[in-house]
Protein backbone atom coordinates (compact mmCIF):
# COMPACT_ATOMS: atom_id res chain seq x y z
CA MET A 1 -215.04 -150.15 -48.21
CA LYS A 2 -213.85 -147.29 -50.35
CA VAL A 3 -212.04 -148.79 -53.33
CA VAL A 4 -210.04 -146.76 -55.84
CA VAL A 5 -209.43 -148.50 -59.18
CA ILE A 6 -206.64 -146.87 -61.21
CA GLY A 7 -207.10 -147.58 -64.91
CA GLY A 8 -210.64 -148.78 -64.39
CA SER A 9 -211.92 -148.19 -67.91
CA GLY A 10 -209.74 -150.85 -69.57
CA HIS A 11 -210.13 -154.54 -70.17
CA ILE A 12 -209.98 -155.63 -66.54
CA GLY A 13 -211.87 -152.63 -65.18
CA THR A 14 -214.79 -153.32 -67.51
CA TYR A 15 -215.58 -156.32 -65.30
CA LEU A 16 -213.88 -155.30 -62.04
CA VAL A 17 -215.71 -152.02 -61.40
CA PRO A 18 -219.22 -153.57 -61.69
CA LYS A 19 -218.19 -156.51 -59.48
CA LEU A 20 -217.04 -154.14 -56.74
CA VAL A 21 -220.19 -152.02 -57.02
CA ARG A 22 -222.37 -155.13 -56.72
CA GLU A 23 -220.53 -156.10 -53.54
CA GLY A 24 -221.57 -152.79 -52.01
CA HIS A 25 -218.27 -150.94 -52.10
CA GLN A 26 -217.87 -147.22 -52.70
CA VAL A 27 -215.93 -147.34 -55.97
CA VAL A 28 -213.84 -144.54 -57.45
CA MET A 29 -212.73 -145.26 -61.02
CA VAL A 30 -209.67 -143.30 -62.12
CA SER A 31 -208.84 -143.00 -65.82
CA ARG A 32 -207.22 -140.61 -68.29
CA GLY A 33 -210.52 -139.69 -69.95
CA LYS A 34 -214.17 -140.54 -70.32
CA SER A 35 -213.64 -143.94 -71.92
CA GLU A 36 -216.58 -146.30 -72.13
CA PRO A 37 -216.25 -149.89 -70.85
CA TYR A 38 -215.96 -152.69 -73.38
CA THR A 39 -219.32 -154.10 -72.28
CA ARG A 40 -222.16 -152.10 -70.76
CA ASP A 41 -223.34 -152.73 -67.20
CA TRP A 42 -225.70 -150.65 -65.06
CA ALA A 43 -223.28 -150.98 -62.13
CA TRP A 44 -220.64 -149.06 -64.09
CA ASP A 45 -222.65 -145.86 -63.69
CA LYS A 46 -222.79 -146.28 -59.90
CA ALA A 47 -219.04 -145.71 -59.58
CA GLU A 48 -217.53 -142.26 -59.18
CA HIS A 49 -215.42 -141.33 -62.21
CA VAL A 50 -212.28 -139.21 -61.74
CA VAL A 51 -210.06 -138.04 -64.59
CA LEU A 52 -206.34 -138.18 -63.76
CA ASN A 53 -203.35 -138.88 -65.99
CA ARG A 54 -200.39 -140.54 -64.35
CA SER A 55 -198.04 -139.83 -67.25
CA ASN A 56 -198.35 -136.03 -67.15
CA ASP A 57 -199.42 -135.22 -63.60
CA PRO A 58 -196.49 -135.03 -61.14
CA ASP A 59 -198.97 -135.03 -58.24
CA PHE A 60 -200.79 -138.16 -59.41
CA SER A 61 -199.83 -140.36 -56.43
CA ALA A 62 -200.55 -137.57 -53.96
CA LYS A 63 -204.01 -137.09 -55.46
CA ILE A 64 -204.72 -140.81 -55.14
CA ALA A 65 -203.55 -140.68 -51.52
CA GLU A 66 -205.87 -137.75 -50.83
CA MET A 67 -208.82 -140.02 -51.65
CA ASN A 68 -207.88 -141.98 -48.48
CA ALA A 69 -209.22 -145.28 -49.80
CA ASP A 70 -209.35 -148.52 -47.87
CA VAL A 71 -208.21 -150.37 -50.99
CA VAL A 72 -206.28 -149.19 -54.06
CA ILE A 73 -206.24 -151.44 -57.13
CA ASP A 74 -203.54 -150.25 -59.53
CA LEU A 75 -204.03 -151.66 -63.03
CA ILE A 76 -201.75 -149.30 -64.99
CA CYS A 77 -198.49 -148.93 -63.09
CA PHE A 78 -195.66 -149.92 -65.43
CA LYS A 79 -192.45 -148.50 -63.94
CA LEU A 80 -190.60 -149.07 -60.69
CA ASP A 81 -190.37 -145.33 -59.99
CA GLU A 82 -194.16 -145.05 -60.27
CA VAL A 83 -194.61 -147.89 -57.78
CA LYS A 84 -192.21 -146.26 -55.33
CA GLU A 85 -194.05 -142.93 -55.59
CA MET A 86 -197.40 -144.62 -54.99
CA VAL A 87 -196.19 -146.63 -52.01
CA LYS A 88 -194.64 -143.55 -50.42
CA ALA A 89 -197.87 -141.59 -50.83
CA LEU A 90 -200.17 -144.37 -49.62
CA LYS A 91 -198.14 -144.98 -46.46
CA GLU A 92 -199.52 -141.69 -45.16
CA THR A 93 -203.15 -142.87 -45.50
CA ASP A 94 -205.50 -145.37 -43.87
CA LEU A 95 -204.89 -147.87 -46.67
CA SER A 96 -205.47 -151.51 -45.78
CA HIS A 97 -204.67 -153.14 -49.14
CA TYR A 98 -202.77 -152.25 -52.33
CA LEU A 99 -203.36 -154.63 -55.24
CA TYR A 100 -200.81 -154.29 -58.03
CA CYS A 101 -201.38 -155.58 -61.55
CA SER A 102 -198.20 -157.21 -62.80
CA THR A 103 -197.85 -159.61 -65.76
CA ILE A 104 -196.60 -163.02 -66.84
CA TRP A 105 -194.13 -161.02 -68.96
CA THR A 106 -191.93 -160.84 -65.88
CA HIS A 107 -190.90 -164.30 -67.05
CA GLY A 108 -188.58 -165.05 -69.91
CA ARG A 109 -187.63 -168.59 -70.79
CA THR A 110 -188.56 -171.10 -68.12
CA GLU A 111 -186.90 -174.40 -67.26
CA THR A 112 -189.86 -176.24 -65.75
CA ILE A 113 -193.63 -175.96 -66.08
CA PRO A 114 -196.07 -175.17 -64.62
CA VAL A 115 -194.33 -171.96 -63.62
CA ASP A 116 -194.46 -171.08 -59.93
CA PRO A 117 -195.11 -167.37 -59.19
CA LYS A 118 -192.48 -167.47 -56.45
CA GLY A 119 -189.71 -168.70 -58.74
CA GLU A 120 -186.86 -166.55 -60.03
CA LYS A 121 -187.68 -164.72 -63.23
CA TYR A 122 -185.65 -163.67 -66.25
CA PRO A 123 -187.68 -161.11 -68.24
CA LEU A 124 -186.85 -160.58 -71.90
CA ASP A 125 -187.84 -156.95 -72.40
CA GLU A 126 -187.91 -153.64 -70.54
CA TYR A 127 -191.62 -153.92 -69.80
CA GLY A 128 -191.12 -157.25 -68.06
CA LYS A 129 -188.01 -156.01 -66.24
CA GLN A 130 -189.82 -152.98 -64.83
CA LYS A 131 -192.72 -155.13 -63.67
CA TYR A 132 -190.37 -157.66 -62.05
CA GLU A 133 -188.41 -154.95 -60.24
CA SER A 134 -191.75 -153.56 -59.03
CA GLU A 135 -192.80 -156.99 -57.75
CA LYS A 136 -189.55 -157.38 -55.81
CA TYR A 137 -189.88 -153.89 -54.36
CA LEU A 138 -193.45 -154.49 -53.20
CA LEU A 139 -192.50 -157.84 -51.68
CA HIS A 140 -189.65 -156.16 -49.78
CA GLU A 141 -191.98 -153.41 -48.59
CA TYR A 142 -194.44 -156.01 -47.34
CA ARG A 143 -191.86 -158.13 -45.54
CA VAL A 144 -189.84 -155.30 -44.04
CA ASN A 145 -192.32 -152.45 -43.61
CA LYS A 146 -195.65 -154.32 -43.56
CA PHE A 147 -196.95 -152.42 -46.58
CA PRO A 148 -200.15 -154.35 -47.47
CA ALA A 149 -199.36 -155.40 -51.04
CA THR A 150 -200.70 -158.18 -53.25
CA MET A 151 -199.57 -158.81 -56.82
CA ILE A 152 -201.70 -160.32 -59.58
CA SER A 153 -200.12 -161.28 -62.92
CA PRO A 154 -202.46 -161.77 -65.88
CA GLY A 155 -201.66 -163.82 -68.96
CA GLN A 156 -202.80 -162.89 -72.45
CA ILE A 157 -206.02 -161.01 -71.64
CA CYS A 158 -208.94 -161.80 -73.94
CA GLY A 159 -212.63 -161.00 -74.03
CA PRO A 160 -215.29 -159.14 -75.98
CA GLY A 161 -214.54 -155.75 -77.47
CA TRP A 162 -210.86 -155.78 -78.41
CA SER A 163 -208.28 -157.57 -80.51
CA ILE A 164 -206.54 -160.62 -79.10
CA ILE A 165 -203.33 -162.51 -79.78
CA THR A 166 -203.71 -164.93 -82.71
CA PRO A 167 -202.43 -168.51 -83.10
CA LEU A 168 -199.39 -166.91 -84.75
CA GLY A 169 -198.38 -165.16 -81.52
CA TYR A 170 -199.12 -161.61 -82.61
CA GLY A 171 -202.20 -159.42 -83.01
CA ASP A 172 -203.73 -159.41 -86.50
CA ASP A 173 -207.49 -159.80 -86.89
CA SER A 174 -207.07 -160.89 -90.51
CA VAL A 175 -205.61 -164.21 -89.32
CA PHE A 176 -209.01 -165.14 -87.90
CA GLN A 177 -210.71 -164.07 -91.13
CA ARG A 178 -208.44 -166.42 -93.11
CA ILE A 179 -209.34 -169.27 -90.78
CA ALA A 180 -213.05 -168.40 -91.07
CA LYS A 181 -212.71 -168.75 -94.86
CA GLY A 182 -210.97 -172.11 -94.50
CA GLU A 183 -207.67 -170.77 -95.82
CA GLU A 184 -204.25 -172.10 -94.85
CA ILE A 185 -202.15 -170.58 -92.08
CA MET A 186 -198.45 -171.10 -91.40
CA LEU A 187 -197.24 -171.78 -87.86
CA PRO A 188 -193.63 -171.35 -86.71
CA ASN A 189 -191.57 -174.45 -85.94
CA PHE A 190 -193.89 -177.33 -84.92
CA GLY A 191 -196.62 -175.13 -83.41
CA MET A 192 -195.82 -176.40 -79.92
CA GLU A 193 -195.04 -173.02 -78.35
CA THR A 194 -197.75 -172.00 -75.90
CA LEU A 195 -199.95 -169.05 -75.02
CA HIS A 196 -201.79 -168.77 -71.71
CA PRO A 197 -204.97 -166.74 -72.26
CA VAL A 198 -207.38 -165.48 -69.63
CA HIS A 199 -210.76 -163.81 -69.86
CA ALA A 200 -210.78 -160.28 -68.43
CA GLU A 201 -213.73 -161.33 -66.28
CA ASP A 202 -211.59 -164.00 -64.61
CA VAL A 203 -208.82 -161.48 -63.98
CA ALA A 204 -211.39 -159.23 -62.30
CA GLN A 205 -212.66 -162.20 -60.31
CA LEU A 206 -209.17 -162.84 -58.97
CA PHE A 207 -208.67 -159.22 -57.90
CA VAL A 208 -211.95 -159.35 -55.96
CA ALA A 209 -211.03 -162.71 -54.41
CA ALA A 210 -207.66 -161.33 -53.27
CA MET A 211 -209.38 -158.31 -51.77
CA ASN A 212 -211.96 -160.45 -49.97
CA HIS A 213 -209.26 -162.81 -48.66
CA ARG A 214 -206.91 -160.07 -47.59
CA THR A 215 -205.00 -161.98 -44.92
CA GLN A 216 -204.28 -164.90 -47.25
CA SER A 217 -203.31 -162.69 -50.19
CA LEU A 218 -200.91 -160.20 -48.56
CA GLY A 219 -197.35 -160.63 -49.80
CA GLU A 220 -198.44 -163.10 -52.49
CA ASN A 221 -198.24 -163.09 -56.27
CA PHE A 222 -201.05 -164.84 -58.14
CA TYR A 223 -201.19 -165.74 -61.81
CA ALA A 224 -204.44 -164.71 -63.45
CA VAL A 225 -204.71 -167.26 -66.24
CA SER A 226 -207.07 -169.99 -67.40
CA GLU A 227 -206.74 -173.47 -65.97
CA ASP A 228 -205.00 -174.69 -69.12
CA SER A 229 -202.71 -173.14 -71.71
CA LEU A 230 -202.84 -173.55 -75.51
CA THR A 231 -200.23 -174.62 -77.99
CA LEU A 232 -200.28 -172.59 -81.19
CA TYR A 233 -201.37 -175.76 -82.99
CA GLY A 234 -204.16 -176.41 -80.49
CA TYR A 235 -205.30 -172.79 -80.74
CA ALA A 236 -205.37 -172.96 -84.54
CA MET A 237 -207.30 -176.24 -84.52
CA ALA A 238 -209.84 -174.81 -82.06
CA MET A 239 -210.41 -171.85 -84.38
CA TYR A 240 -210.96 -174.03 -87.47
CA ARG A 241 -213.48 -176.08 -85.46
CA PHE A 242 -215.19 -172.90 -84.26
CA PHE A 243 -215.74 -171.76 -87.84
CA GLY A 244 -216.68 -175.23 -89.05
CA GLN A 245 -213.73 -175.38 -91.42
CA GLU A 246 -211.36 -178.21 -92.32
CA PRO A 247 -207.99 -177.39 -90.71
CA LYS A 248 -205.25 -176.25 -93.07
CA VAL A 249 -202.13 -175.81 -90.98
CA SER A 250 -198.57 -175.93 -92.26
CA PHE A 251 -195.25 -175.35 -90.52
CA LEU A 252 -192.11 -173.38 -91.30
CA SER A 253 -188.80 -173.03 -89.50
CA TRP A 254 -188.52 -169.79 -87.53
CA ASP A 255 -186.36 -168.07 -90.14
CA LYS A 256 -188.60 -169.05 -93.05
CA TRP A 257 -191.71 -168.22 -91.03
CA SER A 258 -190.31 -164.76 -90.24
CA GLU A 259 -189.72 -164.21 -93.96
CA HIS A 260 -193.25 -165.43 -94.67
CA VAL A 261 -194.76 -162.97 -92.17
CA ALA A 262 -192.60 -160.18 -93.62
CA ASP A 263 -193.46 -157.72 -90.86
CA GLU A 264 -190.69 -156.98 -88.36
CA LYS A 265 -193.03 -155.68 -85.66
CA GLN A 266 -195.28 -158.74 -85.83
CA VAL A 267 -192.31 -161.10 -85.82
CA ASN A 268 -190.81 -159.37 -82.78
CA THR A 269 -194.15 -159.49 -80.96
CA ALA A 270 -194.47 -163.19 -81.73
CA TYR A 271 -190.92 -163.82 -80.55
CA LEU A 272 -191.56 -162.21 -77.16
CA HIS A 273 -194.74 -164.22 -76.68
CA LEU A 274 -193.40 -167.54 -77.92
CA ALA A 275 -189.95 -167.42 -76.33
CA ARG A 276 -191.76 -167.55 -72.98
CA SER A 277 -194.13 -170.37 -73.92
CA GLY A 278 -195.21 -170.70 -70.33
CA TYR A 279 -197.84 -172.66 -68.53
CA PHE A 280 -198.46 -170.70 -65.35
CA SER A 281 -199.65 -172.32 -62.13
CA ILE A 282 -202.79 -171.05 -60.36
CA ASP A 283 -202.37 -173.50 -57.46
CA ASN A 284 -201.79 -170.80 -54.84
CA ALA A 285 -204.80 -168.80 -56.08
CA LYS A 286 -206.99 -171.91 -55.88
CA ARG A 287 -205.66 -172.87 -52.44
CA LEU A 288 -205.60 -169.45 -50.78
CA LEU A 289 -208.40 -167.60 -52.57
CA ASP A 290 -210.64 -170.41 -53.86
CA PHE A 291 -210.08 -169.07 -57.39
CA GLN A 292 -211.92 -171.03 -60.07
CA PRO A 293 -211.61 -169.55 -63.56
CA ARG A 294 -214.95 -169.47 -65.33
CA TYR A 295 -213.41 -169.89 -68.79
CA SER A 296 -211.10 -172.58 -70.13
CA ALA A 297 -208.42 -171.47 -72.57
CA VAL A 298 -210.52 -172.48 -75.58
CA GLN A 299 -213.66 -170.87 -74.16
CA VAL A 300 -211.71 -167.63 -73.63
CA VAL A 301 -210.72 -167.31 -77.28
CA GLU A 302 -214.12 -168.52 -78.52
CA ALA A 303 -215.87 -165.77 -76.54
CA SER A 304 -213.49 -163.22 -78.02
CA ILE A 305 -214.01 -164.43 -81.59
CA GLN A 306 -217.78 -164.45 -81.16
CA SER A 307 -217.42 -160.77 -80.28
CA TYR A 308 -215.46 -160.26 -83.52
CA ILE A 309 -218.41 -161.70 -85.43
CA ASP A 310 -220.99 -159.70 -83.47
CA ARG A 311 -219.06 -156.46 -84.14
CA GLY A 312 -218.57 -157.21 -87.81
CA VAL A 313 -214.79 -157.52 -87.54
CA ILE A 314 -215.01 -160.99 -89.06
CA SER A 315 -217.47 -162.06 -91.73
CA VAL A 316 -218.70 -165.65 -91.70
CA LYS A 317 -220.80 -165.41 -94.87
C-alpha cells in the first residue's frame, strides 16, 4: 500500500518508517525539514521524503490528499481544527485508513485503574483538551460517516537519542547524573505517583499492528504503553540499581518539594505528569491486535539511559 507518515522524522517515525518499508509498502515521509532519524536504518533511505510544514502552509491537508495514499498516519496533529481540515480533505481520496496519534494526556485525574481508553476523560491542559476533542470528532466521523479512523495514544515516549522524563516527573538530564554519582534525590510526597513509559519502537509496532488489523482497529482507541507502569520511587530505585549505586531517596511534601526544585516550569511539568498518575490498559490492543510490547517499563528507561551514556550525556567514571 501507499502509506503517508506525517511527522515521520520524530521519535515514533524513527522506528515506524523502517518497519513499513520492510513490510513492502510505498512510504512517503512528510516532515518540516531534512531531520535525521534518532537511530540509523538502511530502510529509512528507501522512503520518499517530502518537506511540508503544517503550521505555515494553508494548503497542507490538500497537499496530503493529493498524494492519494491508501493509509495516512498522522503523528503531529495537535488541534481539532487541523483534524477537521485533514478529514475533509481525505474524504475526497481513495483513503482506506487514517491513524491518528493522540496521547494519554487526554486524561486528567482518574478514579479507577487501569484506565480504559473508552472511559470519559477530563484533561488538565489545553494540549490534552484539543487531543480529546479530536478523538471525539474522529469517533463521530467513524460512527456516522464511516470515516476509517483509528486512534493510538502513547504514554511517556522513551528511547535512544533524546531526553526522557525523570523520576521527578520532569525532564532534566542532570537528575540521572546525580543518581549515577550516588547522590541523593528528593521525591514529592511518598513517591507513589506513577509514570507510564513506552519505547518508541513499541509505539511504532502498535501503529503497524493497527494498520495490519484494519477491520479490528477501526473506531478504536489504543493505549501505546508498556505492560506495567512505574511509581516515581520504583523508577528511582531502578536507576540506582542500573548505575550500581546505593539508593539515596528522600521525600518532601509537595509544597516543600516545589521550593526545593525552585524552577516553576519544571514544577508545572511535574504537576501535569503526576496529577494524572495513570496506569493505562492495553487489553484491547492485546485482544484485537495481538499487541505485545517488547519493553517493560524498566527496560524502556534502561535503554534510554544507556543511550545517554553512549552519547556522553552522562558520565559513569
